[in-house]
Amino acid sequence: NKLLKKFEPSTVEYYHALFKIAINAAVDNEVVNKNRFVKVKIKNDQQVEKPNDNFYTAAELKKFLDIVKSTGKMTQYTMILFLASTGARKGEAMGLRWSDIDFANDTITISRTRDSIGVRSPKTKNSYRTIKGGGELMNQLKLYRN
């Protein structure tokens, strides 16, 4: 915290992050037993907590979907509705096949992803999952498929 008197808070946080990386490497190489600095927090009375506003409220999302739907671009609307309704990642959505969508049971199975490398298996075991689709989403997917 003494560094905050000489440096900007972002600089101190950067130094702290680098230090934690170095200590973690020492733990990995069995030089030290554990990183006791993980829980160290940098107090900064000057720093104002920024609200996490990286999301839409329900009303904002509905308005956004209505605007996208009104443009008449069915592919964009279907993709955005899918992402908003399921919480799936963009790559997971791009890796979907029609065989992954079970219209009878209103479920969507995530079993692959697609990125700049191509189509591949998801990174983690928890990424394999079956998502319950909603009425509006499943109706839109049927309409899109036709």
N, C-alpha and C. Protein backbone atom coordinates (compact mmCIF):
# COMPACT_ATOMS: atom_id res chain seq x y z
N ASN A 1 0.81 -1.20 0.00
CA ASN A 1 0.00 0.00 0.00
C ASN A 1 0.85 1.26 0.00
N LYS A 2 2.12 1.15 0.44
CA LYS A 2 3.01 2.30 0.40
C LYS A 2 3.29 2.71 -1.04
N LEU A 3 3.23 1.75 -1.96
CA LEU A 3 3.48 2.05 -3.37
C LEU A 3 2.41 2.96 -3.96
N LEU A 4 1.21 2.93 -3.37
CA LEU A 4 0.13 3.77 -3.87
C LEU A 4 0.43 5.26 -3.71
N LYS A 5 1.35 5.59 -2.82
CA LYS A 5 1.74 6.99 -2.64
C LYS A 5 2.65 7.46 -3.77
N LYS A 6 3.34 6.50 -4.42
CA LYS A 6 4.29 6.85 -5.48
C LYS A 6 3.78 6.54 -6.88
N PHE A 7 2.89 5.52 -6.99
CA PHE A 7 2.46 5.04 -8.30
C PHE A 7 0.95 5.05 -8.43
N GLU A 8 0.49 4.99 -9.67
CA GLU A 8 -0.93 4.88 -9.96
C GLU A 8 -1.44 3.52 -9.46
N PRO A 9 -2.71 3.45 -9.04
CA PRO A 9 -3.26 2.17 -8.59
C PRO A 9 -3.14 1.05 -9.62
N SER A 10 -3.31 1.36 -10.90
CA SER A 10 -3.20 0.32 -11.93
C SER A 10 -1.78 -0.23 -12.00
N THR A 11 -0.78 0.62 -11.76
CA THR A 11 0.62 0.17 -11.77
C THR A 11 0.88 -0.75 -10.59
N VAL A 12 0.37 -0.38 -9.42
CA VAL A 12 0.56 -1.21 -8.23
C VAL A 12 -0.13 -2.56 -8.42
N GLU A 13 -1.33 -2.56 -8.98
CA GLU A 13 -2.04 -3.81 -9.24
C GLU A 13 -1.27 -4.67 -10.24
N TYR A 14 -0.66 -4.06 -11.23
CA TYR A 14 0.14 -4.78 -12.22
C TYR A 14 1.35 -5.43 -11.54
N TYR A 15 2.05 -4.67 -10.70
CA TYR A 15 3.20 -5.23 -9.97
C TYR A 15 2.77 -6.38 -9.07
N HIS A 16 1.63 -6.20 -8.42
CA HIS A 16 1.11 -7.25 -7.54
C HIS A 16 0.81 -8.53 -8.33
N ALA A 17 0.19 -8.36 -9.49
CA ALA A 17 -0.13 -9.53 -10.34
C ALA A 17 1.15 -10.23 -10.79
N LEU A 18 2.15 -9.47 -11.19
CA LEU A 18 3.43 -10.07 -11.60
C LEU A 18 4.08 -10.82 -10.45
N PHE A 19 4.04 -10.23 -9.27
CA PHE A 19 4.62 -10.86 -8.09
C PHE A 19 3.92 -12.19 -7.79
N LYS A 20 2.58 -12.19 -7.87
CA LYS A 20 1.84 -13.42 -7.62
C LYS A 20 2.19 -14.50 -8.64
N ILE A 21 2.40 -14.11 -9.89
CA ILE A 21 2.79 -15.07 -10.92
C ILE A 21 4.15 -15.67 -10.58
N ALA A 22 5.07 -14.82 -10.14
CA ALA A 22 6.41 -15.31 -9.79
C ALA A 22 6.35 -16.28 -8.61
N ILE A 23 5.57 -15.94 -7.59
CA ILE A 23 5.45 -16.82 -6.42
C ILE A 23 4.75 -18.13 -6.81
N ASN A 24 3.74 -18.05 -7.68
CA ASN A 24 3.08 -19.29 -8.15
C ASN A 24 4.07 -20.18 -8.88
N ALA A 25 4.96 -19.59 -9.66
CA ALA A 25 5.99 -20.39 -10.35
C ALA A 25 6.92 -21.04 -9.33
N ALA A 26 7.23 -20.33 -8.26
CA ALA A 26 8.07 -20.90 -7.20
C ALA A 26 7.37 -22.07 -6.53
N VAL A 27 6.05 -21.96 -6.35
CA VAL A 27 5.27 -23.05 -5.77
C VAL A 27 5.29 -24.24 -6.73
N ASP A 28 5.07 -23.99 -8.02
CA ASP A 28 5.09 -25.06 -9.02
C ASP A 28 6.43 -25.78 -9.07
N ASN A 29 7.50 -25.04 -8.87
CA ASN A 29 8.84 -25.63 -8.90
C ASN A 29 9.29 -26.11 -7.52
N GLU A 30 8.38 -26.12 -6.56
CA GLU A 30 8.61 -26.60 -5.21
C GLU A 30 9.72 -25.85 -4.48
N VAL A 31 9.90 -24.57 -4.81
CA VAL A 31 10.86 -23.73 -4.10
C VAL A 31 10.23 -23.26 -2.78
N VAL A 32 8.92 -22.94 -2.83
CA VAL A 32 8.15 -22.60 -1.63
C VAL A 32 6.92 -23.50 -1.60
N ASN A 33 6.35 -23.66 -0.39
CA ASN A 33 5.22 -24.58 -0.23
C ASN A 33 3.91 -24.02 -0.75
N LYS A 34 3.66 -22.74 -0.47
CA LYS A 34 2.40 -22.17 -0.93
C LYS A 34 2.54 -20.67 -1.10
N ASN A 35 1.66 -20.11 -1.92
CA ASN A 35 1.67 -18.69 -2.18
C ASN A 35 0.79 -17.99 -1.14
N ARG A 36 1.43 -17.37 -0.17
CA ARG A 36 0.71 -16.70 0.90
C ARG A 36 0.22 -15.31 0.47
N PHE A 37 0.57 -14.90 -0.74
CA PHE A 37 0.21 -13.57 -1.21
C PHE A 37 -1.08 -13.55 -2.04
N VAL A 38 -1.67 -14.72 -2.25
CA VAL A 38 -2.88 -14.81 -3.06
C VAL A 38 -4.01 -13.99 -2.45
N LYS A 39 -4.11 -14.01 -1.13
CA LYS A 39 -5.22 -13.31 -0.46
C LYS A 39 -4.91 -11.84 -0.16
N VAL A 40 -3.73 -11.38 -0.52
CA VAL A 40 -3.38 -9.99 -0.27
C VAL A 40 -4.20 -9.09 -1.18
N LYS A 41 -4.85 -8.13 -0.59
CA LYS A 41 -5.65 -7.17 -1.35
C LYS A 41 -5.01 -5.81 -1.25
N ILE A 42 -5.08 -5.07 -2.32
CA ILE A 42 -4.53 -3.72 -2.34
C ILE A 42 -5.65 -2.77 -1.99
N LYS A 43 -5.48 -2.05 -0.88
CA LYS A 43 -6.49 -1.09 -0.47
C LYS A 43 -6.21 0.23 -1.16
N ASN A 44 -7.26 0.79 -1.73
CA ASN A 44 -7.11 2.07 -2.40
C ASN A 44 -8.36 2.88 -2.13
N ASP A 45 -8.24 3.83 -1.23
CA ASP A 45 -9.38 4.66 -0.88
C ASP A 45 -9.79 5.57 -2.02
N GLN A 46 -8.84 5.87 -2.93
CA GLN A 46 -9.13 6.78 -4.04
C GLN A 46 -9.90 6.07 -5.14
N GLN A 47 -9.77 4.76 -5.21
CA GLN A 47 -10.37 4.00 -6.29
C GLN A 47 -11.87 3.85 -6.06
N VAL A 48 -12.63 4.20 -7.05
CA VAL A 48 -14.07 4.08 -6.98
C VAL A 48 -14.47 2.76 -7.61
N GLU A 49 -15.29 2.01 -6.93
CA GLU A 49 -15.74 0.72 -7.44
C GLU A 49 -16.64 0.95 -8.65
N LYS A 50 -16.27 0.35 -9.77
CA LYS A 50 -17.07 0.47 -10.99
C LYS A 50 -18.16 -0.60 -10.98
N PRO A 51 -19.37 -0.23 -11.32
CA PRO A 51 -20.41 -1.25 -11.38
C PRO A 51 -20.16 -2.16 -12.57
N ASN A 52 -20.51 -3.44 -12.39
CA ASN A 52 -20.37 -4.40 -13.49
C ASN A 52 -21.62 -4.30 -14.34
N ASP A 53 -21.53 -3.53 -15.42
CA ASP A 53 -22.70 -3.32 -16.28
C ASP A 53 -22.51 -3.96 -17.65
N ASN A 54 -21.84 -5.09 -17.66
CA ASN A 54 -21.58 -5.79 -18.90
C ASN A 54 -22.70 -6.79 -19.20
N PHE A 55 -23.94 -6.35 -19.05
CA PHE A 55 -25.08 -7.20 -19.32
C PHE A 55 -26.30 -6.33 -19.57
N TYR A 56 -27.31 -6.92 -20.16
CA TYR A 56 -28.57 -6.24 -20.38
C TYR A 56 -29.54 -6.63 -19.26
N THR A 57 -30.38 -5.71 -18.87
CA THR A 57 -31.50 -6.06 -18.00
C THR A 57 -32.50 -6.82 -18.88
N ALA A 58 -33.49 -7.42 -18.25
CA ALA A 58 -34.51 -8.16 -19.02
C ALA A 58 -35.21 -7.24 -20.01
N ALA A 59 -35.52 -6.03 -19.57
CA ALA A 59 -36.21 -5.07 -20.45
C ALA A 59 -35.31 -4.64 -21.61
N GLU A 60 -34.03 -4.40 -21.32
CA GLU A 60 -33.09 -4.01 -22.37
C GLU A 60 -32.90 -5.14 -23.37
N LEU A 61 -32.82 -6.37 -22.87
CA LEU A 61 -32.65 -7.52 -23.76
C LEU A 61 -33.86 -7.68 -24.66
N LYS A 62 -35.06 -7.53 -24.10
CA LYS A 62 -36.28 -7.64 -24.91
C LYS A 62 -36.30 -6.58 -26.00
N LYS A 63 -35.94 -5.35 -25.64
CA LYS A 63 -35.91 -4.26 -26.62
C LYS A 63 -34.88 -4.55 -27.71
N PHE A 64 -33.70 -5.03 -27.30
CA PHE A 64 -32.65 -5.37 -28.26
C PHE A 64 -33.12 -6.47 -29.21
N LEU A 65 -33.72 -7.52 -28.66
CA LEU A 65 -34.21 -8.61 -29.51
C LEU A 65 -35.31 -8.14 -30.46
N ASP A 66 -36.18 -7.26 -29.97
CA ASP A 66 -37.24 -6.71 -30.83
C ASP A 66 -36.64 -5.93 -32.00
N ILE A 67 -35.61 -5.15 -31.73
CA ILE A 67 -34.96 -4.36 -32.79
C ILE A 67 -34.29 -5.28 -33.80
N VAL A 68 -33.57 -6.30 -33.31
CA VAL A 68 -32.89 -7.24 -34.22
C VAL A 68 -33.93 -7.99 -35.06
N LYS A 69 -35.02 -8.40 -34.42
CA LYS A 69 -36.07 -9.13 -35.14
C LYS A 69 -36.71 -8.25 -36.22
N SER A 70 -36.88 -6.98 -35.92
CA SER A 70 -37.53 -6.08 -36.87
C SER A 70 -36.66 -5.76 -38.09
N THR A 71 -35.37 -6.04 -38.01
CA THR A 71 -34.50 -5.79 -39.16
C THR A 71 -34.74 -6.80 -40.28
N GLY A 72 -35.37 -7.92 -39.93
CA GLY A 72 -35.66 -8.93 -40.94
C GLY A 72 -34.52 -9.89 -41.22
N LYS A 73 -33.42 -9.78 -40.45
CA LYS A 73 -32.28 -10.69 -40.64
C LYS A 73 -32.44 -11.88 -39.71
N MET A 74 -33.05 -12.92 -40.24
CA MET A 74 -33.43 -14.08 -39.43
C MET A 74 -32.23 -14.78 -38.80
N THR A 75 -31.13 -14.87 -39.53
CA THR A 75 -29.94 -15.56 -38.99
C THR A 75 -29.42 -14.84 -37.76
N GLN A 76 -29.32 -13.52 -37.83
CA GLN A 76 -28.82 -12.75 -36.69
C GLN A 76 -29.77 -12.87 -35.50
N TYR A 77 -31.05 -12.73 -35.77
CA TYR A 77 -32.03 -12.81 -34.68
C TYR A 77 -31.99 -14.18 -34.01
N THR A 78 -31.94 -15.24 -34.81
CA THR A 78 -31.93 -16.59 -34.26
C THR A 78 -30.69 -16.83 -33.41
N MET A 79 -29.54 -16.39 -33.89
CA MET A 79 -28.30 -16.57 -33.14
C MET A 79 -28.32 -15.79 -31.84
N ILE A 80 -28.74 -14.55 -31.87
CA ILE A 80 -28.76 -13.71 -30.67
C ILE A 80 -29.78 -14.26 -29.67
N LEU A 81 -30.95 -14.69 -30.15
CA LEU A 81 -31.95 -15.28 -29.27
C LEU A 81 -31.40 -16.56 -28.63
N PHE A 82 -30.71 -17.37 -29.43
CA PHE A 82 -30.12 -18.60 -28.90
C PHE A 82 -29.11 -18.29 -27.79
N LEU A 83 -28.19 -17.36 -28.06
CA LEU A 83 -27.17 -17.01 -27.07
C LEU A 83 -27.80 -16.44 -25.80
N ALA A 84 -28.78 -15.57 -25.97
CA ALA A 84 -29.42 -14.94 -24.82
C ALA A 84 -30.26 -15.94 -24.01
N SER A 85 -30.86 -16.89 -24.68
CA SER A 85 -31.75 -17.84 -24.01
C SER A 85 -31.01 -18.97 -23.32
N THR A 86 -29.85 -19.33 -23.83
CA THR A 86 -29.16 -20.51 -23.32
C THR A 86 -27.92 -20.20 -22.50
N GLY A 87 -27.32 -19.05 -22.70
CA GLY A 87 -26.07 -18.74 -22.02
C GLY A 87 -24.89 -19.44 -22.67
N ALA A 88 -25.10 -20.04 -23.83
CA ALA A 88 -24.02 -20.72 -24.55
C ALA A 88 -23.01 -19.70 -25.05
N ARG A 89 -21.78 -20.14 -25.23
CA ARG A 89 -20.74 -19.29 -25.80
C ARG A 89 -20.90 -19.21 -27.31
N LYS A 90 -20.34 -18.18 -27.90
CA LYS A 90 -20.44 -17.98 -29.34
C LYS A 90 -19.89 -19.20 -30.10
N GLY A 91 -18.73 -19.69 -29.68
CA GLY A 91 -18.12 -20.84 -30.35
C GLY A 91 -18.96 -22.09 -30.24
N GLU A 92 -19.63 -22.26 -29.09
CA GLU A 92 -20.51 -23.41 -28.91
C GLU A 92 -21.71 -23.31 -29.85
N ALA A 93 -22.24 -22.12 -30.01
CA ALA A 93 -23.37 -21.92 -30.92
C ALA A 93 -22.95 -22.18 -32.36
N MET A 94 -21.77 -21.73 -32.73
CA MET A 94 -21.30 -21.93 -34.10
C MET A 94 -20.96 -23.40 -34.37
N GLY A 95 -20.71 -24.18 -33.32
CA GLY A 95 -20.40 -25.59 -33.48
C GLY A 95 -21.62 -26.49 -33.51
N LEU A 96 -22.80 -25.91 -33.34
CA LEU A 96 -24.03 -26.72 -33.32
C LEU A 96 -24.36 -27.31 -34.68
N ARG A 97 -24.99 -28.47 -34.64
CA ARG A 97 -25.56 -29.11 -35.82
C ARG A 97 -27.04 -29.34 -35.52
N TRP A 98 -27.81 -29.49 -36.56
CA TRP A 98 -29.24 -29.72 -36.35
C TRP A 98 -29.47 -30.98 -35.53
N SER A 99 -28.59 -31.95 -35.63
CA SER A 99 -28.74 -33.19 -34.86
C SER A 99 -28.57 -32.95 -33.35
N ASP A 100 -28.01 -31.80 -32.96
CA ASP A 100 -27.84 -31.46 -31.55
C ASP A 100 -29.11 -30.90 -30.93
N ILE A 101 -30.08 -30.59 -31.77
CA ILE A 101 -31.32 -29.98 -31.30
C ILE A 101 -32.43 -31.03 -31.32
N ASP A 102 -32.99 -31.32 -30.15
CA ASP A 102 -34.06 -32.29 -30.01
C ASP A 102 -35.36 -31.51 -29.82
N PHE A 103 -36.09 -31.34 -30.92
CA PHE A 103 -37.32 -30.56 -30.87
C PHE A 103 -38.41 -31.27 -30.06
N ALA A 104 -38.39 -32.59 -30.03
CA ALA A 104 -39.41 -33.34 -29.30
C ALA A 104 -39.30 -33.10 -27.79
N ASN A 105 -38.08 -33.02 -27.30
CA ASN A 105 -37.86 -32.83 -25.86
C ASN A 105 -37.42 -31.41 -25.49
N ASP A 106 -37.38 -30.52 -26.47
CA ASP A 106 -36.97 -29.12 -26.25
C ASP A 106 -35.60 -29.03 -25.57
N THR A 107 -34.63 -29.79 -26.10
CA THR A 107 -33.28 -29.75 -25.54
C THR A 107 -32.25 -29.49 -26.64
N ILE A 108 -31.13 -28.91 -26.22
CA ILE A 108 -30.01 -28.63 -27.13
C ILE A 108 -28.77 -29.19 -26.46
N THR A 109 -28.04 -30.02 -27.18
CA THR A 109 -26.83 -30.64 -26.63
C THR A 109 -25.60 -29.93 -27.16
N ILE A 110 -24.76 -29.48 -26.25
CA ILE A 110 -23.49 -28.83 -26.60
C ILE A 110 -22.41 -29.90 -26.51
N SER A 111 -21.77 -30.21 -27.65
CA SER A 111 -20.75 -31.25 -27.66
C SER A 111 -19.53 -30.88 -28.51
N ARG A 112 -19.54 -29.66 -29.02
CA ARG A 112 -18.39 -29.20 -29.82
C ARG A 112 -18.38 -27.69 -29.83
N THR A 113 -17.26 -27.14 -30.27
CA THR A 113 -17.12 -25.69 -30.40
C THR A 113 -16.44 -25.40 -31.73
N ARG A 114 -16.56 -24.19 -32.17
CA ARG A 114 -15.93 -23.79 -33.43
C ARG A 114 -15.25 -22.45 -33.22
N ASP A 115 -14.00 -22.37 -33.67
CA ASP A 115 -13.25 -21.12 -33.55
C ASP A 115 -12.36 -20.97 -34.77
N SER A 116 -11.35 -20.12 -34.69
CA SER A 116 -10.48 -19.87 -35.84
C SER A 116 -9.71 -21.12 -36.27
N ILE A 117 -9.56 -22.08 -35.37
CA ILE A 117 -8.86 -23.33 -35.69
C ILE A 117 -9.79 -24.28 -36.44
N GLY A 118 -11.08 -24.20 -36.16
CA GLY A 118 -12.07 -25.07 -36.78
C GLY A 118 -12.99 -25.67 -35.74
N VAL A 119 -13.66 -26.75 -36.10
CA VAL A 119 -14.58 -27.43 -35.19
C VAL A 119 -13.77 -28.41 -34.36
N ARG A 120 -14.01 -28.38 -33.04
CA ARG A 120 -13.27 -29.27 -32.14
C ARG A 120 -14.10 -29.54 -30.90
N SER A 121 -13.59 -30.41 -30.05
CA SER A 121 -14.25 -30.71 -28.78
C SER A 121 -14.13 -29.52 -27.84
N PRO A 122 -15.08 -29.36 -26.93
CA PRO A 122 -14.96 -28.28 -25.94
C PRO A 122 -13.72 -28.46 -25.07
N LYS A 123 -13.28 -27.37 -24.46
CA LYS A 123 -12.06 -27.38 -23.67
C LYS A 123 -12.19 -28.18 -22.38
N THR A 124 -13.33 -28.12 -21.73
CA THR A 124 -13.49 -28.78 -20.44
C THR A 124 -14.61 -29.80 -20.46
N LYS A 125 -14.58 -30.70 -19.49
CA LYS A 125 -15.61 -31.73 -19.37
C LYS A 125 -16.97 -31.10 -19.07
N ASN A 126 -16.97 -30.01 -18.30
CA ASN A 126 -18.23 -29.35 -17.95
C ASN A 126 -18.86 -28.62 -19.13
N SER A 127 -18.10 -28.43 -20.21
CA SER A 127 -18.65 -27.76 -21.39
C SER A 127 -19.63 -28.66 -22.14
N TYR A 128 -19.49 -29.98 -21.96
CA TYR A 128 -20.45 -30.91 -22.55
C TYR A 128 -21.70 -30.85 -21.69
N ARG A 129 -22.83 -30.44 -22.30
CA ARG A 129 -24.04 -30.32 -21.51
C ARG A 129 -25.27 -30.31 -22.41
N THR A 130 -26.41 -30.55 -21.79
CA THR A 130 -27.68 -30.47 -22.49
C THR A 130 -28.48 -29.34 -21.85
N ILE A 131 -28.95 -28.44 -22.69
CA ILE A 131 -29.65 -27.25 -22.25
C ILE A 131 -31.13 -27.39 -22.59
N LYS A 132 -31.98 -27.01 -21.68
CA LYS A 132 -33.42 -27.00 -21.92
C LYS A 132 -33.76 -25.76 -22.74
N GLY A 133 -34.37 -25.96 -23.88
CA GLY A 133 -34.78 -24.83 -24.72
C GLY A 133 -36.15 -24.33 -24.31
N GLY A 134 -36.42 -23.08 -24.58
CA GLY A 134 -37.73 -22.52 -24.26
C GLY A 134 -38.63 -22.52 -25.47
N GLY A 135 -39.91 -22.25 -25.25
CA GLY A 135 -40.89 -22.25 -26.33
C GLY A 135 -40.54 -21.29 -27.45
N GLU A 136 -40.22 -20.04 -27.10
CA GLU A 136 -39.91 -19.04 -28.12
C GLU A 136 -38.64 -19.42 -28.89
N LEU A 137 -37.63 -19.88 -28.17
CA LEU A 137 -36.37 -20.27 -28.83
C LEU A 137 -36.59 -21.46 -29.75
N MET A 138 -37.26 -22.48 -29.27
CA MET A 138 -37.47 -23.68 -30.09
C MET A 138 -38.33 -23.36 -31.30
N ASN A 139 -39.34 -22.51 -31.13
CA ASN A 139 -40.17 -22.10 -32.28
C ASN A 139 -39.33 -21.35 -33.31
N GLN A 140 -38.45 -20.48 -32.83
CA GLN A 140 -37.60 -19.72 -33.75
C GLN A 140 -36.63 -20.65 -34.48
N LEU A 141 -36.08 -21.64 -33.77
CA LEU A 141 -35.16 -22.59 -34.40
C LEU A 141 -35.89 -23.41 -35.47
N LYS A 142 -37.14 -23.82 -35.19
CA LYS A 142 -37.92 -24.55 -36.19
C LYS A 142 -38.17 -23.67 -37.42
N LEU A 143 -38.55 -22.43 -37.18
CA LEU A 143 -38.80 -21.48 -38.27
C LEU A 143 -37.52 -21.26 -39.09
N TYR A 144 -36.41 -21.11 -38.40
CA TYR A 144 -35.12 -20.90 -39.07
C TYR A 144 -34.73 -22.12 -39.90
N ARG A 145 -34.95 -23.29 -39.34
CA ARG A 145 -34.58 -24.53 -40.05
C ARG A 145 -35.39 -24.67 -41.34
N ASN A 146 -36.69 -24.32 -41.28
CA ASN A 146 -37.52 -24.41 -42.48
C ASN A 146 -37.06 -23.41 -43.51
